[in-house]
């Protein structure tokens, strides 16, 4: 019977009677087993953050683990919080796909008679990681084709996804777009932490995920994936200086609608960048803010922030703008407007008359109310003033 990766790590840990950890070649955590309480700071962070920093990678790689054919002893470094380890390169057909680490504080593991057996386990893990890596690459190409603006390419990719039963015909899907604000480096997304059935394509600065839904009205899985990506990013070095933006499109009744969900998710990341709805945005929760992602800020400002709105926003009394926004938010209810603002009805009526004089708009007219409301709501996000 074929063992899975967790079973391989469990067995290696028991054979050597020391804690073991399996990471892919990018130092993302795949599986671990605690045989003893011999845990160091680096391993603790790897488990909690599901990965290691570039500095940690560089330190370990200096000992030749990326090209070694057999176990490599890495020394302790108290200043870095590193215990001594024995590294079993996880290779397949001469290519390193990861590392099986055994915490070895006293250096005694190398003499264990089970080391050759663990080397075979590392080779077994290498074959599995290679297979998964190639499978992910294959799926990533299919996903890019599915989301392509080329209709024929998208249709062909959808056919293949359905034929290979990666998605079922009656299954709803939603697309999640994850981007670094400045796209300076790869998105710190550990593919090993993704739920089964999530298809992913990852490029520098961004990741696109196709999430299968059992219930089209339940976005708990994509929201959980977004939250986990954010937690991982914020605990990593890149998270200290760069925002992670997440857009979640609307659920589509079949994989053939994935392009629509993807466009919506991309618009969501643009809105998130402007700070209109926080760093994670769902299409269904955007409402009129969807306009923010459909054009450049200047084009949108020119189209929406017209003369009447500009005159009100530029007025010396900011309470007039505030009153207009509350009045429009409350659907023209004087009672609710005065309650929210804590003012007398006559004061509210006076301000509304002044607003009408300044803007030249008739607040009893639905079209005028809509134009002003939209302008006041979007103005802070396109640099045209704030209510």
Protein backbone atom coordinates (compact mmCIF):
# COMPACT_ATOMS: atom_id res chain seq x y z
CA UNK A 1 0.00 0.00 0.00
CA UNK A 2 1.33 3.45 -0.92
CA UNK A 3 2.10 5.68 2.04
CA UNK A 4 1.15 9.34 2.06
CA UNK A 5 3.64 12.07 2.98
CA UNK A 6 2.47 12.37 6.57
CA UNK A 7 2.90 8.62 7.05
CA UNK A 8 6.44 8.85 5.65
CA UNK A 9 7.34 11.57 8.15
CA UNK A 10 5.71 9.68 11.02
CA UNK A 11 7.69 6.53 10.18
CA UNK A 12 10.99 8.38 9.79
CA UNK A 13 10.48 10.03 13.17
CA UNK A 14 9.76 6.70 14.86
CA UNK A 15 12.68 4.91 13.21
CA UNK A 16 15.19 7.53 14.33
CA UNK A 17 13.42 8.32 17.61
CA UNK A 18 13.69 12.06 16.89
CA UNK A 19 11.29 14.72 15.63
CA UNK A 20 11.04 14.99 11.85
CA UNK A 21 9.87 17.68 9.44
CA UNK A 22 9.22 17.57 5.68
CA UNK A 23 9.46 20.78 3.63
CA UNK A 24 9.27 21.33 -0.12
CA UNK A 25 12.21 22.92 -1.96
CA UNK A 26 10.83 26.39 -1.22
CA UNK A 27 10.92 25.55 2.52
CA UNK A 28 7.13 25.37 2.80
CA UNK A 29 5.97 22.97 5.48
CA UNK A 30 4.44 19.75 4.11
CA UNK A 31 4.25 17.50 7.20
CA UNK A 32 5.84 17.08 10.64
CA UNK A 33 5.95 14.63 13.53
CA UNK A 34 7.02 15.39 17.11
CA UNK A 35 8.72 12.33 18.59
CA UNK A 36 10.45 14.34 21.31
CA UNK A 37 10.19 17.87 22.75
CA UNK A 38 13.41 18.75 20.90
CA UNK A 39 12.07 21.75 18.98
CA UNK A 40 14.09 24.79 17.98
CA UNK A 41 12.97 28.32 17.12
CA UNK A 42 13.30 27.81 13.35
CA UNK A 43 11.22 24.64 13.43
CA UNK A 44 8.60 26.27 15.63
CA UNK A 45 8.25 29.16 13.18
CA UNK A 46 8.12 26.75 10.24
CA UNK A 47 5.18 24.95 11.85
CA UNK A 48 3.33 28.09 12.93
CA UNK A 49 3.98 30.06 9.72
CA UNK A 50 4.04 27.01 7.42
CA UNK A 51 7.30 28.14 5.89
CA UNK A 52 10.71 29.71 6.48
CA UNK A 53 12.23 33.06 5.62
CA UNK A 54 14.71 33.67 2.79
CA UNK A 55 17.41 34.24 5.42
CA UNK A 56 16.78 30.82 6.98
CA UNK A 57 16.79 29.18 3.54
CA UNK A 58 20.09 30.81 2.65
CA UNK A 59 21.69 29.72 5.92
CA UNK A 60 20.78 26.06 5.47
CA UNK A 61 21.55 25.98 1.74
CA UNK A 62 25.15 27.04 2.39
CA UNK A 63 25.79 23.46 3.57
CA UNK A 64 25.04 22.04 0.12
CA UNK A 65 21.69 20.44 0.91
CA UNK A 66 20.23 21.43 -2.49
CA UNK A 67 22.70 19.28 -4.45
CA UNK A 68 23.62 16.55 -1.94
CA UNK A 69 22.84 12.92 -2.79
CA UNK A 70 22.80 11.75 0.83
CA UNK A 71 22.22 13.01 4.38
CA UNK A 72 23.86 16.29 5.37
CA UNK A 73 24.61 17.25 8.96
CA UNK A 74 23.84 20.94 9.63
CA UNK A 75 25.42 22.42 12.76
CA UNK A 76 23.66 24.19 15.61
CA UNK A 77 23.59 27.99 15.71
CA UNK A 78 22.43 29.27 19.11
CA UNK A 79 22.30 32.87 17.86
CA UNK A 80 19.70 31.87 15.26
CA UNK A 81 17.88 29.50 17.57
CA UNK A 82 18.88 26.49 15.46
CA UNK A 83 19.56 23.04 16.86
CA UNK A 84 21.74 20.57 15.02
CA UNK A 85 19.89 18.65 12.32
CA UNK A 86 20.33 15.82 9.89
CA UNK A 87 18.94 16.71 6.46
CA UNK A 88 17.81 14.00 4.04
CA UNK A 89 17.47 15.59 0.57
CA UNK A 90 14.15 14.56 -0.97
CA UNK A 91 15.05 13.85 -4.60
CA UNK A 92 13.66 12.18 -7.68
CA UNK A 93 15.62 11.55 -10.88
CA UNK A 94 18.41 13.84 -9.75
CA UNK A 95 16.17 16.79 -8.87
CA UNK A 96 15.67 18.01 -5.31
CA UNK A 97 12.00 18.48 -4.46
CA UNK A 98 12.31 19.02 -0.73
CA UNK A 99 14.04 18.17 2.53
CA UNK A 100 13.33 15.69 5.31
CA UNK A 101 14.76 17.20 8.49
CA UNK A 102 15.47 15.31 11.68
CA UNK A 103 16.18 17.39 14.78
CA UNK A 104 19.49 16.04 16.11
CA UNK A 105 20.82 18.19 19.00
CA UNK A 106 23.57 15.77 20.09
CA UNK A 107 24.62 14.50 16.64
CA UNK A 108 23.78 10.91 17.45
CA UNK A 109 21.23 10.27 14.69
CA UNK A 110 23.92 9.71 12.04
CA UNK A 111 24.98 6.49 13.81
CA UNK A 112 21.42 5.13 13.93
CA UNK A 113 21.11 1.86 12.01
CA UNK A 114 17.82 3.05 10.51
CA UNK A 115 19.43 5.91 8.55
CA UNK A 116 19.53 3.87 5.27
CA UNK A 117 15.83 3.06 5.67
CA UNK A 118 15.03 6.75 6.18
CA UNK A 119 17.05 7.54 3.04
CA UNK A 120 14.69 5.23 1.14
CA UNK A 121 11.73 7.02 2.73
CA UNK A 122 13.18 10.35 1.51
CA UNK A 123 13.39 8.90 -2.00
CA UNK A 124 9.77 7.76 -1.72
CA UNK A 125 8.76 11.25 -0.64
CA UNK A 126 10.77 12.69 -3.55
CA UNK A 127 8.78 10.68 -6.08
CA UNK A 128 5.52 11.84 -4.52
CA UNK A 129 6.53 15.50 -4.36
CA UNK A 130 7.71 15.33 -7.98
CA UNK A 131 4.39 13.86 -9.06
CA UNK A 132 2.44 16.53 -7.19
CA UNK A 133 4.69 19.29 -8.49
CA UNK A 134 4.14 18.20 -12.08
CA UNK A 135 0.42 17.81 -11.42
CA UNK A 136 0.20 21.32 -10.00
CA UNK A 137 2.10 22.72 -12.99
CA UNK A 138 -0.24 20.90 -15.37
CA UNK A 139 -3.32 22.17 -13.53
CA UNK A 140 -1.88 25.71 -13.42
CA UNK A 141 -1.58 25.70 -17.22
CA UNK A 142 -5.18 24.49 -17.51
CA UNK A 143 -6.39 27.16 -15.09
CA UNK A 144 -4.59 29.92 -17.01
CA UNK A 145 -6.26 28.64 -20.18
CA UNK A 146 -9.66 28.57 -18.49
CA UNK A 147 -9.33 32.22 -17.45
CA UNK A 148 -7.87 33.36 -20.78
CA UNK A 149 -9.74 36.11 -22.70
CA UNK A 150 -9.48 33.80 -25.72
CA UNK A 151 -12.90 32.11 -25.75
CA UNK A 152 -11.81 29.02 -27.67
CA UNK A 153 -8.85 28.42 -25.35
CA UNK A 154 -11.05 28.89 -22.29
CA UNK A 155 -13.68 26.50 -23.63
CA UNK A 156 -11.05 23.83 -24.40
CA UNK A 157 -9.55 24.14 -20.89
CA UNK A 158 -13.02 23.79 -19.34
CA UNK A 159 -13.64 20.66 -21.41
CA UNK A 160 -10.37 19.12 -20.20
CA UNK A 161 -11.00 20.00 -16.56
CA UNK A 162 -14.40 18.31 -16.80
CA UNK A 163 -13.05 15.33 -18.73
CA UNK A 164 -10.33 14.74 -16.14
CA UNK A 165 -12.96 15.12 -13.38
CA UNK A 166 -10.99 17.91 -11.69
CA UNK A 167 -14.35 19.70 -11.56
CA UNK A 168 -17.76 18.10 -11.95
CA UNK A 169 -20.32 19.43 -14.48
CA UNK A 170 -22.89 20.45 -11.87
CA UNK A 171 -20.37 21.93 -9.44
CA UNK A 172 -20.41 25.65 -8.64
CA UNK A 173 -17.06 27.47 -8.58
CA UNK A 174 -15.65 30.78 -7.41
CA UNK A 175 -12.33 32.46 -8.21
CA UNK A 176 -10.10 34.05 -5.57
CA UNK A 177 -7.43 36.52 -6.69
CA UNK A 178 -4.58 37.22 -4.26
CA UNK A 179 -2.08 39.96 -5.04
CA UNK A 180 0.77 41.77 -3.37
CA UNK A 181 0.14 45.50 -3.60
CA UNK A 182 3.45 46.25 -5.32
CA UNK A 183 4.05 42.77 -6.78
CA UNK A 184 7.70 42.80 -5.73
CA UNK A 185 7.94 39.07 -4.99
CA UNK A 186 6.02 35.83 -5.05
CA UNK A 187 2.83 35.69 -3.02
CA UNK A 188 3.66 33.91 0.26
CA UNK A 189 1.01 31.27 -0.32
CA UNK A 190 1.83 27.76 0.83
CA UNK A 191 0.14 25.46 -1.71
CA UNK A 192 0.35 22.59 0.79
CA UNK A 193 -2.08 24.43 3.07
CA UNK A 194 -4.78 24.71 0.39
CA UNK A 195 -7.86 22.51 0.89
CA UNK A 196 -8.19 19.52 -1.40
CA UNK A 197 -9.95 20.42 -4.63
CA UNK A 198 -8.65 24.01 -4.84
CA UNK A 199 -6.90 24.57 -8.18
CA UNK A 200 -4.14 27.16 -8.21
CA UNK A 201 -1.83 29.07 -10.49
CA UNK A 202 0.88 31.11 -8.78
CA UNK A 203 3.04 33.80 -10.36
CA UNK A 204 5.34 36.51 -8.96
CA UNK A 205 3.19 38.83 -6.91
CA UNK A 206 -0.09 37.00 -7.28
CA UNK A 207 -2.03 33.76 -7.00
CA UNK A 208 -5.30 32.77 -8.67
CA UNK A 209 -7.39 30.04 -7.07
CA UNK A 210 -10.40 28.17 -8.43
CA UNK A 211 -12.48 26.96 -5.48
CA UNK A 212 -15.14 24.29 -5.90
CA UNK A 213 -18.30 24.89 -3.85
CA UNK A 214 -20.70 22.32 -2.44
CA UNK A 215 -23.19 25.15 -1.84
CA UNK A 216 -23.13 28.20 -4.17
CA UNK A 217 -24.38 30.36 -1.31
CA UNK A 218 -21.60 29.29 1.08
CA UNK A 219 -18.32 31.16 0.60
CA UNK A 220 -16.78 29.84 3.82
CA UNK A 221 -14.05 27.89 1.98
CA UNK A 222 -12.75 30.79 -0.19
CA UNK A 223 -12.99 33.13 2.80
CA UNK A 224 -11.01 30.66 4.92
CA UNK A 225 -8.38 30.31 2.19
CA UNK A 226 -8.11 34.12 2.01
CA UNK A 227 -7.77 34.38 5.81
CA UNK A 228 -5.05 31.70 5.92
CA UNK A 229 -3.14 33.39 3.09
CA UNK A 230 -3.31 36.67 5.00
CA UNK A 231 -2.15 35.10 8.26
CA UNK A 232 0.77 33.46 6.49
CA UNK A 233 1.68 36.68 4.70
CA UNK A 234 1.51 38.84 7.83
CA UNK A 235 3.78 36.46 9.73
CA UNK A 236 6.38 36.45 6.92
CA UNK A 237 9.09 39.08 6.29
CA UNK A 238 7.31 40.43 3.17
CA UNK A 239 4.18 41.04 5.21
CA UNK A 240 5.88 43.83 7.15
CA UNK A 241 6.07 46.19 4.20
CA UNK A 242 3.53 45.12 1.60
CA UNK A 243 -0.24 44.73 1.70
CA UNK A 244 -1.89 41.54 0.54
CA UNK A 245 -5.05 42.26 -1.48
CA UNK A 246 -7.75 39.63 -1.93
CA UNK A 247 -10.70 39.70 -4.31
CA UNK A 248 -13.38 36.99 -4.32
CA UNK A 249 -15.70 36.80 -7.33
CA UNK A 250 -19.32 35.70 -7.31
CA UNK A 251 -20.14 31.98 -7.37
CA UNK A 252 -20.79 30.60 -10.86
CA UNK A 253 -23.05 27.59 -11.60
CA UNK A 254 -20.34 25.80 -13.58
CA UNK A 255 -16.63 25.96 -14.39
CA UNK A 256 -17.51 27.60 -17.72
CA UNK A 257 -18.41 30.75 -15.78
CA UNK A 258 -15.02 30.95 -14.08
CA UNK A 259 -13.85 33.83 -16.33
CA UNK A 260 -16.71 35.99 -15.04
CA UNK A 261 -15.82 35.23 -11.42
CA UNK A 262 -12.15 35.94 -12.19
CA UNK A 263 -12.91 39.38 -13.66
CA UNK A 264 -14.95 40.18 -10.57
CA UNK A 265 -12.15 38.99 -8.27
CA UNK A 266 -9.59 41.17 -10.08
CA UNK A 267 -11.88 44.19 -9.73
CA UNK A 268 -12.13 43.31 -6.03
CA UNK A 269 -8.34 43.56 -5.63
CA UNK A 270 -8.41 47.00 -7.28
CA UNK A 271 -11.07 48.18 -4.84
CA UNK A 272 -9.11 46.67 -1.94
CA UNK A 273 -6.06 48.64 -3.07
CA UNK A 274 -8.05 51.87 -2.79
CA UNK A 275 -9.05 50.97 0.75
CA UNK A 276 -12.77 51.19 0.08
CA UNK A 277 -13.76 47.85 1.60
CA UNK A 278 -10.76 46.54 3.51
CA UNK A 279 -8.06 44.20 2.20
CA UNK A 280 -10.44 41.30 1.40
CA UNK A 281 -13.32 42.10 -0.95
CA UNK A 282 -16.22 39.95 -2.15
CA UNK A 283 -18.03 40.86 -5.34
CA UNK A 284 -21.46 40.38 -3.78
CA UNK A 285 -20.56 42.85 -1.02
CA UNK A 286 -19.27 45.63 -3.26
CA UNK A 287 -22.47 47.21 -4.56
CA UNK A 288 -21.73 50.48 -6.44
CA UNK A 289 -18.08 50.29 -5.37
CA UNK A 290 -17.67 47.86 -8.27
CA UNK A 291 -17.28 50.97 -10.40
CA UNK A 292 -13.98 51.70 -8.65
CA UNK A 293 -12.37 48.72 -10.29
CA UNK A 294 -13.76 49.20 -13.77
CA UNK A 295 -11.82 52.31 -14.76
CA UNK A 296 -8.84 54.41 -13.78
CA UNK A 297 -9.28 56.68 -10.77
CA UNK A 298 -9.09 59.77 -12.99
CA UNK A 299 -11.65 58.46 -15.49
CA UNK A 300 -14.00 57.57 -12.67
CA UNK A 301 -13.54 60.94 -10.99
CA UNK A 302 -14.28 62.71 -14.29
CA UNK A 303 -17.40 60.60 -14.86
CA UNK A 304 -18.90 60.62 -11.37
CA UNK A 305 -17.57 63.64 -9.45
CA UNK A 306 -19.35 66.24 -11.58
CA UNK A 307 -19.75 69.99 -11.10
CA UNK A 308 -22.57 69.91 -8.51
CA UNK A 309 -20.71 67.41 -6.32
CA UNK A 310 -17.43 69.28 -6.72
CA UNK A 311 -19.03 72.53 -5.52
CA UNK A 312 -20.41 70.82 -2.42
CA UNK A 313 -17.15 69.02 -1.64
CA UNK A 314 -15.23 72.29 -1.99
CA UNK A 315 -17.59 74.28 0.26
CA UNK A 316 -16.12 75.77 3.42
CA UNK A 317 -18.73 74.10 5.67
CA UNK A 318 -18.01 70.34 5.80
CA UNK A 319 -21.25 69.78 7.74
CA UNK A 320 -23.21 70.36 4.55
CA UNK A 321 -21.46 67.48 2.81
CA UNK A 322 -21.91 65.28 5.89
CA UNK A 323 -25.59 66.14 6.09
CA UNK A 324 -26.12 65.39 2.40
CA UNK A 325 -24.48 61.98 2.72
CA UNK A 326 -26.46 60.98 5.81
CA UNK A 327 -29.72 62.22 4.27
CA UNK A 328 -29.07 60.20 1.10
CA UNK A 329 -27.95 57.14 3.09
CA UNK A 330 -31.23 57.33 5.00
CA UNK A 331 -33.29 57.43 1.79
CA UNK A 332 -34.43 61.00 2.38
CA UNK A 333 -35.85 60.40 5.87
CA UNK A 334 -35.63 63.62 7.89
CA UNK A 335 -36.36 61.75 11.13
CA UNK A 336 -33.49 59.28 10.73
CA UNK A 337 -31.17 62.03 9.42
CA UNK A 338 -31.71 64.24 12.46
CA UNK A 339 -31.31 61.27 14.81
CA UNK A 340 -27.97 60.27 13.27
CA UNK A 341 -26.64 63.82 13.15
CA UNK A 342 -28.10 64.88 16.51
CA UNK A 343 -29.57 68.08 15.09
CA UNK A 344 -32.98 69.79 15.09
CA UNK A 345 -35.34 69.26 12.14
CA UNK A 346 -35.21 72.96 11.22
CA UNK A 347 -31.39 72.79 11.11
CA UNK A 348 -31.62 69.78 8.79
CA UNK A 349 -34.09 71.58 6.50
CA UNK A 350 -31.86 74.68 6.42
CA UNK A 351 -28.81 72.60 5.46
CA UNK A 352 -30.72 70.77 2.74
CA UNK A 353 -31.82 74.10 1.23
CA UNK A 354 -28.19 75.25 1.25
CA UNK A 355 -27.12 71.98 -0.41
CA UNK A 356 -29.70 72.49 -3.14
CA UNK A 357 -28.54 76.09 -3.68
CA UNK A 358 -24.84 75.13 -3.87
CA UNK A 359 -25.28 72.11 -6.13
CA UNK A 360 -28.23 73.26 -8.21
CA UNK A 361 -29.76 69.82 -7.68
CA UNK A 362 -33.33 68.96 -6.74
CA UNK A 363 -33.07 66.46 -3.85
CA UNK A 364 -36.68 65.45 -4.48
CA UNK A 365 -35.64 64.13 -7.90
CA UNK A 366 -34.48 60.51 -7.93
CA UNK A 367 -31.87 61.02 -10.67
CA UNK A 368 -30.31 63.98 -8.88
CA UNK A 369 -30.24 62.08 -5.57
CA UNK A 370 -28.57 59.08 -7.22
CA UNK A 371 -25.90 61.22 -8.93
CA UNK A 372 -25.00 63.10 -5.75
CA UNK A 373 -25.09 60.00 -3.55
CA UNK A 374 -22.78 58.07 -5.86
CA UNK A 375 -20.37 61.02 -6.10
CA UNK A 376 -20.18 61.53 -2.33
CA UNK A 377 -19.68 57.83 -1.66
CA UNK A 378 -16.91 57.36 -4.24
CA UNK A 379 -15.14 60.71 -3.79
CA UNK A 380 -12.86 59.61 -0.90
CA UNK A 381 -11.61 56.66 -2.95
CA UNK A 382 -10.69 58.64 -6.08
CA UNK A 383 -8.96 61.52 -4.36
CA UNK A 384 -11.74 64.06 -4.75
CA UNK A 385 -12.34 64.97 -1.15
CA UNK A 386 -14.13 63.34 1.76
CA UNK A 387 -17.59 63.79 3.21
